[in-house]
Amino acid sequence: MTGLVEKKNRSGTRYFEDEDGGITAKECKKCGEVKIMGDFNKDKKSTGGGQPKCKSCERKYREENRASIAGRKRKHYEENRASISEKQRKYQKENRASISEKQRKYQKENRASILENERKYREENRASIAEYQRKYREENRASILENQRKYQKENRASIVKKARKYREENRVSVLERKRKYREENRASISKSQRKHYEENRASIAEEHRKYHQENPHVLTAGTQRRRARKSLLPDTLTKEQLEEITDRFRGGCALTGGTDGIHLDHVIPLAIGHGGTTLQNMLPLRADLNLSKSTRCIFDWFYDAKDHFKLSQTKFDELIEYLAHINGMTANEYEDYVRGCHDNPRVLDETILDETGSAG
């Protein structure tokens, strides 16, 4: 090579130095070709800072001996697990900042391929991943629970904030998933709740007492269910559904958002013999609005009362959309349904006949 000085190291390998004494090329121990240092993988202990064999020879060797190399690595790791783990831990501790920066840079530059590889791997190994996770949870249940408790305690405020933000941004889908899950797992949920109650009877009673004291509207819901039963109307509203309604309207009035003096109102009043105390027929209203509405049709009442109470047409329209959705109707169909109930009221005896099938 022009302008370079050829030399040999103690093992007889030829290498070439430039005029400044820097090694720019050397002979590959495997193929015997002289190559620039960029063609050798780095190795500080070897001549010129590069491994004895060039990259091409190394790659060929790995391809031809893949199984034996993997076996040697596995054996070495098993025999030196403790020392390897300690070295890795020490290195990571001493180089935390640079490692994080490298990872961040790599992930940013290869985001699409990383996500695609992860997705592909999960699809191809779904069963083994699930089994590994199940086994890990069983073997490490105590430490997992402890870590979760510790994290939740230290990050309570941010967890609550994130959860609230997610529910607000995905309110409809969250409610739909909850409802679907309860319908599909009704038996197992009941069994789990019954077991929990039997094992925690005293503490649950105390929690209920405190909860009812702080949330009087829950007792109101119980009263409403009893009223529905007396009229032989559906009374399927559960505690979870009541929480759904409360969460849906953020603990306030469905038309004003205010949180003082909230009543649970039957959209279709029990007095007309339709509706019942169900998720699809209940909404929270401010006390004065509920008393004003009384047994009137919600549509007629709103148009008469909106100016007096300064109610929002937009909020009312959104409320009707919500009620129509949970009843499986369009807004127009829901209005026709409600008006039809008011136009055809049923007294108690007629309701009884309907229930026994003796009258339509």
Protein backbone atom coordinates (compact mmCIF):
# COMPACT_ATOMS: atom_id res chain seq x y z
CA MET A 1 0.00 0.00 0.00
CA THR A 2 1.47 3.33 -1.13
CA GLY A 3 2.79 5.59 1.61
CA LEU A 4 2.27 2.98 4.36
CA VAL A 5 4.85 1.04 6.33
CA GLU A 6 4.29 -2.73 6.55
CA LYS A 7 4.99 -4.36 9.92
CA LYS A 8 4.25 -7.61 11.73
CA ASN A 9 3.05 -8.23 15.29
CA ARG A 10 4.33 -11.02 17.57
CA SER A 11 1.95 -13.57 16.08
CA GLY A 12 3.13 -12.75 12.54
CA THR A 13 0.06 -10.79 11.41
CA ARG A 14 0.91 -8.08 8.88
CA TYR A 15 -0.38 -4.57 9.49
CA PHE A 16 0.24 -1.17 7.91
CA GLU A 17 0.99 2.16 9.58
CA ASP A 18 0.67 5.64 8.11
CA GLU A 19 3.29 8.37 8.59
CA ASP A 20 1.76 9.28 11.98
CA GLY A 21 2.11 5.71 13.30
CA GLY A 22 -1.62 4.95 13.08
CA ILE A 23 -2.65 1.46 11.90
CA THR A 24 -4.92 1.86 8.86
CA ALA A 25 -5.03 -1.72 7.55
CA LYS A 26 -4.09 -5.26 8.51
CA GLU A 27 -4.20 -8.87 7.36
CA CYS A 28 -7.23 -11.06 8.22
CA LYS A 29 -6.14 -14.16 10.17
CA LYS A 30 -8.80 -16.24 8.43
CA CYS A 31 -8.84 -15.32 4.73
CA GLY A 32 -5.36 -13.73 4.60
CA GLU A 33 -6.55 -10.63 2.75
CA VAL A 34 -5.28 -7.18 3.75
CA LYS A 35 -8.25 -4.95 4.59
CA ILE A 36 -8.80 -1.47 6.01
CA MET A 37 -9.56 -1.30 9.76
CA GLY A 38 -13.20 -0.44 9.00
CA ASP A 39 -13.62 -4.04 7.78
CA PHE A 40 -12.85 -5.42 11.25
CA ASN A 41 -15.13 -5.44 14.30
CA LYS A 42 -13.74 -3.43 17.20
CA ASP A 43 -11.49 -5.10 19.78
CA LYS A 44 -9.29 -2.84 21.92
CA LYS A 45 -6.93 -5.68 22.84
CA SER A 46 -6.12 -6.68 19.23
CA THR A 47 -3.78 -5.03 16.72
CA GLY A 48 -5.13 -1.72 15.46
CA GLY A 49 -8.17 -2.02 17.73
CA GLY A 50 -9.84 -4.56 15.44
CA GLN A 51 -10.57 -8.28 15.80
CA PRO A 52 -8.13 -10.75 14.16
CA LYS A 53 -10.73 -11.90 11.62
CA CYS A 54 -12.51 -9.52 9.25
CA LYS A 55 -16.27 -8.93 9.37
CA SER A 56 -16.93 -11.17 6.36
CA CYS A 57 -15.12 -14.13 7.91
CA GLU A 58 -16.79 -13.56 11.27
CA ARG A 59 -20.22 -13.45 9.64
CA LYS A 60 -19.54 -16.62 7.64
CA TYR A 61 -18.35 -18.42 10.77
CA ARG A 62 -21.44 -17.43 12.75
CA GLU A 63 -23.78 -18.59 9.97
CA GLU A 64 -22.01 -21.98 9.69
CA ASN A 65 -21.83 -22.56 13.45
CA ARG A 66 -25.04 -20.93 14.67
CA ALA A 67 -26.18 -23.88 16.85
CA SER A 68 -22.82 -24.52 18.53
CA ILE A 69 -22.28 -20.80 19.22
CA ALA A 70 -25.72 -20.54 20.83
CA GLY A 71 -24.98 -23.65 22.91
CA ARG A 72 -21.66 -22.24 24.15
CA LYS A 73 -23.24 -18.92 25.02
CA ARG A 74 -26.07 -20.62 26.91
CA LYS A 75 -23.64 -22.84 28.81
CA HIS A 76 -21.39 -19.91 29.68
CA TYR A 77 -24.37 -17.89 30.90
CA GLU A 78 -25.70 -20.72 33.08
CA GLU A 79 -22.27 -21.30 34.64
CA ASN A 80 -21.65 -17.60 35.24
CA ARG A 81 -25.18 -16.26 35.77
CA ALA A 82 -24.40 -14.42 39.02
CA SER A 83 -21.22 -12.68 37.85
CA ILE A 84 -22.76 -11.74 34.48
CA SER A 85 -25.82 -10.24 36.20
CA GLU A 86 -23.59 -8.32 38.60
CA LYS A 87 -21.47 -6.92 35.74
CA GLN A 88 -24.58 -5.90 33.81
CA ARG A 89 -26.09 -4.25 36.89
CA LYS A 90 -22.85 -2.37 37.62
CA TYR A 91 -22.48 -1.23 34.00
CA GLN A 92 -26.07 -0.06 33.78
CA LYS A 93 -25.76 1.85 37.06
CA GLU A 94 -22.54 3.60 35.95
CA ASN A 95 -23.82 4.38 32.45
CA ARG A 96 -27.53 4.99 33.07
CA ALA A 97 -27.65 8.36 31.32
CA SER A 98 -25.79 7.30 28.16
CA ILE A 99 -27.77 4.03 27.91
CA SER A 100 -31.08 5.91 28.20
CA GLU A 101 -30.00 8.42 25.56
CA LYS A 102 -28.94 5.67 23.13
CA GLN A 103 -32.22 3.81 23.66
CA ARG A 104 -34.26 6.97 23.23
CA LYS A 105 -32.41 7.87 20.02
CA TYR A 106 -32.73 4.35 18.60
CA GLN A 107 -36.44 4.11 19.42
CA LYS A 108 -37.11 7.49 17.84
CA GLU A 109 -35.26 6.60 14.63
CA ASN A 110 -36.77 3.08 14.34
CA ARG A 111 -40.24 3.56 15.83
CA ALA A 112 -42.20 2.06 12.94
CA SER A 113 -40.06 -1.08 12.61
CA ILE A 114 -39.98 -1.63 16.39
CA LEU A 115 -43.78 -1.48 16.63
CA GLU A 116 -44.16 -3.79 13.63
CA ASN A 117 -41.69 -6.33 15.06
CA GLU A 118 -43.45 -6.26 18.44
CA ARG A 119 -46.86 -6.74 16.83
CA LYS A 120 -45.59 -9.61 14.68
CA TYR A 121 -43.89 -11.29 17.64
CA ARG A 122 -47.02 -11.06 19.80
CA GLU A 123 -49.18 -12.58 17.06
CA GLU A 124 -46.78 -15.46 16.45
CA ASN A 125 -46.21 -16.20 20.13
CA ARG A 126 -49.57 -15.33 21.71
CA ALA A 127 -49.97 -18.64 23.55
CA SER A 128 -46.41 -18.82 24.91
CA ILE A 129 -46.51 -15.17 26.02
CA ALA A 130 -49.79 -15.72 27.88
CA GLU A 131 -48.40 -18.84 29.56
CA TYR A 132 -45.17 -17.10 30.56
CA GLN A 133 -47.08 -14.13 32.02
CA ARG A 134 -49.45 -16.44 33.94
CA LYS A 135 -46.54 -18.45 35.36
CA TYR A 136 -44.62 -15.31 36.28
CA ARG A 137 -47.64 -13.81 38.09
CA GLU A 138 -48.17 -17.02 40.08
CA GLU A 139 -44.50 -17.26 41.11
CA ASN A 140 -44.16 -13.57 41.97
CA ARG A 141 -47.65 -12.69 43.25
CA ALA A 142 -46.46 -11.18 46.53
CA SER A 143 -43.75 -8.95 45.01
CA ILE A 144 -46.05 -7.84 42.17
CA LEU A 145 -48.77 -6.79 44.62
CA GLU A 146 -46.24 -5.02 46.81
CA ASN A 147 -44.79 -3.12 43.84
CA GLN A 148 -48.28 -2.15 42.68
CA ARG A 149 -49.22 -0.93 46.17
CA LYS A 150 -46.02 1.06 46.45
CA TYR A 151 -46.41 2.63 43.00
CA GLN A 152 -50.06 3.53 43.59
CA LYS A 153 -49.24 5.09 46.95
CA GLU A 154 -46.39 7.18 45.53
CA ASN A 155 -48.28 8.21 42.37
CA ARG A 156 -51.88 8.43 43.59
CA ALA A 157 -52.53 11.95 42.31
CA SER A 158 -51.17 11.36 38.78
CA ILE A 159 -52.98 7.99 38.50
CA VAL A 160 -56.32 9.56 39.45
CA LYS A 161 -55.72 12.45 37.04
CA LYS A 162 -54.88 10.12 34.12
CA ALA A 163 -57.86 7.84 34.84
CA ARG A 164 -60.25 10.80 35.02
CA LYS A 165 -58.90 12.26 31.78
CA TYR A 166 -59.22 8.91 29.98
CA ARG A 167 -62.83 8.40 31.19
CA GLU A 168 -63.79 11.90 30.08
CA GLU A 169 -62.26 11.44 26.63
CA ASN A 170 -63.70 7.93 26.16
CA ARG A 171 -66.91 8.11 28.20
CA VAL A 172 -69.20 6.31 25.74
CA SER A 173 -66.79 3.46 24.95
CA VAL A 174 -65.92 2.97 28.65
CA LEU A 175 -69.59 2.66 29.63
CA GLU A 176 -70.24 0.32 26.72
CA ARG A 177 -67.32 -1.95 27.66
CA LYS A 178 -68.46 -2.08 31.31
CA ARG A 179 -72.00 -2.96 30.29
CA LYS A 180 -70.85 -5.62 27.83
CA TYR A 181 -68.48 -7.18 30.38
CA ARG A 182 -71.20 -7.39 33.03
CA GLU A 183 -73.61 -9.03 30.60
CA GLU A 184 -71.04 -11.62 29.48
CA ASN A 185 -69.75 -12.41 32.98
CA ARG A 186 -72.89 -12.09 35.09
CA ALA A 187 -72.51 -15.47 36.85
CA SER A 188 -68.81 -15.16 37.70
CA ILE A 189 -69.26 -11.56 38.88
CA SER A 190 -72.10 -12.60 41.20
CA LYS A 191 -70.05 -15.48 42.59
CA SER A 192 -67.02 -13.28 43.21
CA GLN A 193 -69.11 -10.58 44.87
CA ARG A 194 -70.85 -13.13 47.11
CA LYS A 195 -67.51 -14.64 48.19
CA HIS A 196 -66.01 -11.22 48.89
CA TYR A 197 -69.04 -10.21 50.95
CA GLU A 198 -68.91 -13.36 53.07
CA GLU A 199 -65.19 -12.88 53.79
CA ASN A 200 -65.48 -9.14 54.54
CA ARG A 201 -68.97 -8.75 56.01
CA ALA A 202 -68.04 -6.41 58.91
CA SER A 203 -65.82 -4.03 56.94
CA ILE A 204 -68.34 -3.88 54.08
CA ALA A 205 -71.14 -2.96 56.50
CA GLU A 206 -69.01 -0.12 57.88
CA GLU A 207 -68.11 1.07 54.38
CA HIS A 208 -71.79 1.03 53.37
CA ARG A 209 -72.79 3.05 56.43
CA LYS A 210 -70.13 5.66 55.69
CA TYR A 211 -70.89 5.65 51.96
CA HIS A 212 -74.64 6.13 52.43
CA GLN A 213 -73.93 8.92 54.88
CA GLU A 214 -71.81 10.71 52.28
CA ASN A 215 -74.03 9.75 49.31
CA PRO A 216 -77.70 10.02 50.33
CA HIS A 217 -78.82 9.68 46.70
CA VAL A 218 -77.95 5.95 46.90
CA LEU A 219 -80.68 5.43 49.50
CA THR A 220 -82.97 7.36 47.20
CA ALA A 221 -82.22 4.80 44.47
CA GLY A 222 -83.31 1.99 46.80
CA THR A 223 -86.55 3.83 47.47
CA GLN A 224 -87.09 4.25 43.74
CA ARG A 225 -86.61 0.52 43.16
CA ARG A 226 -89.21 -0.28 45.83
CA ARG A 227 -91.62 2.15 44.20
CA ALA A 228 -91.14 0.36 40.88
CA ARG A 229 -91.77 -3.04 42.47
CA LYS A 230 -95.00 -1.79 44.04
CA SER A 231 -96.20 -0.84 40.56
CA LEU A 232 -94.95 -4.16 39.14
CA LEU A 233 -92.60 -2.25 36.86
CA PRO A 234 -88.96 -3.25 36.17
CA ASP A 235 -86.59 -2.45 39.09
CA THR A 236 -83.26 -3.64 37.66
CA LEU A 237 -81.13 -0.60 38.57
CA THR A 238 -77.97 -1.91 40.28
CA LYS A 239 -75.38 -0.13 42.39
CA GLU A 240 -72.89 -0.39 39.53
CA GLN A 241 -75.38 1.15 37.11
CA LEU A 242 -76.09 3.95 39.55
CA GLU A 243 -72.35 4.61 39.68
CA GLU A 244 -72.37 4.62 35.88
CA ILE A 245 -75.05 7.31 35.86
CA THR A 246 -73.24 9.33 38.53
CA ASP A 247 -69.97 9.04 36.62
CA ARG A 248 -71.65 9.88 33.31
CA PHE A 249 -72.89 13.20 34.72
CA ARG A 250 -69.86 13.77 36.98
CA GLY A 251 -71.92 13.59 40.13
CA GLY A 252 -74.12 16.50 39.10
CA CYS A 253 -77.40 17.47 37.47
CA ALA A 254 -77.86 16.19 33.91
CA LEU A 255 -79.08 19.60 32.72
CA THR A 256 -77.07 22.10 34.79
CA GLY A 257 -74.00 20.24 36.04
CA GLY A 258 -74.63 21.51 39.58
CA THR A 259 -73.89 19.09 42.43
CA ASP A 260 -76.12 20.44 45.22
CA GLY A 261 -79.47 18.82 46.08
CA ILE A 262 -79.49 16.09 43.42
CA HIS A 263 -82.56 13.86 42.98
CA LEU A 264 -82.85 10.68 40.91
CA ASP A 265 -85.61 11.25 38.40
CA HIS A 266 -87.62 8.71 36.39
CA VAL A 267 -87.62 10.10 32.85
CA ILE A 268 -90.89 8.22 32.27
CA PRO A 269 -92.67 8.58 35.65
CA LEU A 270 -93.77 5.45 37.53
CA ALA A 271 -97.14 7.11 38.00
CA ILE A 272 -98.09 6.56 34.34
CA GLY A 273 -97.41 2.81 34.55
CA HIS A 274 -94.46 2.67 32.15
CA GLY A 275 -90.67 2.77 32.37
CA GLY A 276 -89.51 1.52 35.76
CA THR A 277 -86.37 1.98 37.87
CA THR A 278 -83.79 0.97 35.27
CA LEU A 279 -80.54 2.31 33.88
CA GLN A 280 -82.39 3.36 30.73
CA ASN A 281 -84.98 5.44 32.65
CA MET A 282 -82.99 7.22 35.37
CA LEU A 283 -81.13 10.52 35.41
CA PRO A 284 -79.91 12.93 38.09
CA LEU A 285 -81.74 16.27 38.29
CA ARG A 286 -81.46 19.22 40.60
CA ALA A 287 -84.16 19.03 43.28
CA ASP A 288 -86.17 22.02 42.05
CA LEU A 289 -86.07 20.72 38.46
CA ASN A 290 -87.23 17.26 39.54
CA LEU A 291 -90.11 18.71 41.57
CA SER A 292 -91.04 21.00 38.69
CA LYS A 293 -91.03 18.14 36.19
CA SER A 294 -93.09 15.85 38.45
CA THR A 295 -95.05 13.43 36.24
CA ARG A 296 -94.93 15.52 33.06
CA CYS A 297 -93.46 14.43 29.74
CA ILE A 298 -89.81 15.51 29.79
CA PHE A 299 -90.09 17.10 26.34
CA ASP A 300 -93.14 19.23 27.18
CA TRP A 301 -91.73 20.16 30.59
CA PHE A 302 -88.36 21.27 29.19
CA TYR A 303 -89.84 23.60 26.58
CA ASP A 304 -92.07 25.20 29.22
CA ALA A 305 -89.37 25.42 31.91
CA LYS A 306 -86.11 26.13 30.07
CA ASP A 307 -86.45 29.94 30.16
CA HIS A 308 -87.59 30.03 33.77
CA PHE A 309 -84.68 27.85 34.97
CA LYS A 310 -82.25 29.17 32.29
CA LEU A 311 -81.57 25.67 30.94
CA SER A 312 -79.32 24.92 27.97
CA GLN A 313 -80.91 23.55 24.79
CA THR A 314 -77.56 21.98 23.86
CA LYS A 315 -77.36 20.10 27.16
CA PHE A 316 -80.95 18.90 26.75
CA ASP A 317 -80.26 17.65 23.21
CA GLU A 318 -77.13 15.83 24.45
CA LEU A 319 -79.18 14.28 27.27
CA ILE A 320 -81.82 13.01 24.84
CA GLU A 321 -79.07 11.56 22.59
CA TYR A 322 -77.67 9.71 25.62
CA LEU A 323 -81.10 8.36 26.68
CA ALA A 324 -81.89 7.33 23.12
CA HIS A 325 -78.53 5.53 22.81
CA ILE A 326 -78.89 3.45 25.98
CA ASN A 327 -82.45 2.56 24.92
CA GLY A 328 -81.25 1.45 21.48
CA MET A 329 -83.16 4.14 19.59
CA THR A 330 -82.60 7.30 17.60
CA ALA A 331 -83.48 10.62 19.25
CA ASN A 332 -86.71 10.89 17.21
CA GLU A 333 -87.72 7.30 18.00
CA TYR A 334 -87.06 7.92 21.69
CA GLU A 335 -89.24 11.05 21.74
CA ASP A 336 -92.08 9.14 20.04
CA TYR A 337 -91.68 6.34 22.59
CA VAL A 338 -91.80 8.69 25.60
CA ARG A 339 -94.79 10.60 24.25
CA GLY A 340 -96.53 7.29 23.50
CA CYS A 341 -96.13 6.23 27.15
CA HIS A 342 -97.63 9.52 28.37
CA ASP A 343 -100.48 9.33 25.86
CA ASN A 344 -101.34 5.79 27.01
CA PRO A 345 -100.97 5.73 30.82
CA ARG A 346 -101.68 2.50 32.72
CA VAL A 347 -103.05 2.21 36.23
CA LEU A 348 -101.82 -0.50 38.62
CA ASP A 349 -104.54 -3.02 37.78
CA GLU A 350 -103.81 -2.71 34.04
CA THR A 351 -100.11 -3.22 34.72
CA ILE A 352 -100.89 -6.39 36.67
CA LEU A 353 -102.94 -7.67 33.76
CA ASP A 354 -100.05 -7.00 31.38
CA GLU A 355 -97.65 -8.88 33.67
CA THR A 356 -99.93 -11.94 33.87
CA GLY A 357 -100.46 -11.89 30.12
CA SER A 358 -104.27 -11.47 30.41
CA ALA A 359 -104.34 -8.17 28.63
CA GLY A 360 -102.27 -6.32 26.03
